[in-house]
Amino acid sequence: MDPVKKSLITLHLAVVLLGGTGLFSNIIPLSAIDITLGRSLFACLALCLFVRAGREHLRLERRPDYFIAIGLGMLMAAHWATYFASMQYAGVSVGMIAMFTFPVITVLMEPLFEKTRLAWQDMLSALVVVIGIVLIVPEVSLDNDVTLGVGLGIISAVLYAVRNLSLRKYFSHYSGARSMAWQTLIIVLCLLPFSELPQTQQETSVWLLLLLLGTAFTALPHALVANSLAHLRAKTFSLIACMQPFYGVIFAIILLHESPGWQTLLGGILVTSASIYETVNTHKSASATNE
């Protein structure tokens, strides 16, 4: 098979798997912190094996990079914990849509990290996202679980945007798998003191679900993405990644029997459309700058 076609199939599989992570917030009977810890533990082990299999070494090249890795890992710990908490409160569909505001949030925050200016189109995208979020919020009260879940999803999106911008500026000289191996290690070290993970044999099913989440739905898709980027442009990856909330909502409807209303679906379409637009626009700007 042609390497590009093979990479496209691989990338779609990776995004499908990432879209399925939200299901575990519902089927694993643990807190968001414990799910994040279990996920990171198994993902770290799998990613370290993947890095070593690729004949990379795990140690970092410069001493300051260890401090950067700690910062990135702490951001990811908070991002994943609020991501799962969002879906536990509001449901997988709503939580995933709220978190996927991060591409637009990233564009709005870019001037803080890089010498860029906001265009009027960016502000329009932000307005579209706000309208989409308003549609899925039932009432402006944190006493409502859905509203609380949406709020946590947006916090998760902000944390993810800060992490991505920081990684691009300070840590992009490392491969994706190597970078994630270090970040998941930091997550484990950060959350271990707060752990209430099951320690009895009766909880074997919970450990198996955490193993599945950490390997097949975390380490594997990150490894697949790393491999596919050898033959695909970053723009292709970004556009395909925009399908993640779509897959997540479909999984939630089919497997968890969620029934998102028309307002939630319309809000999701608006948020995803704005994310796709900003993804395309960002890569057009980058291409024009490099010419």
Foldseek 3Di string as FASTA:
>chain_A
DPLLVVLLVLLLLLLLLLLALLVCLPVQPDAQLQLLLLLLVLLLVLLCVVCVVVVHDLDDDDPVVLVLLLVLLVLVSLLSSLLSLLCNQANQLLLLLLLLLLLLLLLVCVVVQDVDDDDVLSVVLVVLLVQLNVLQDPDPDCVRSNNVSSVSSNVSSNSVSVSVSSCVVPPVVDQQSSSSSSSSVSSNVVSVVVDPDDDDPVCVVSSVVSNCCNPVSPNSSSSSNRVSCVNDPPLSSQLSSLCSSVSNVVCCCPPVVDDDDPSNVVSSVSSSVSSNVSSVVVVVVVVVVVD
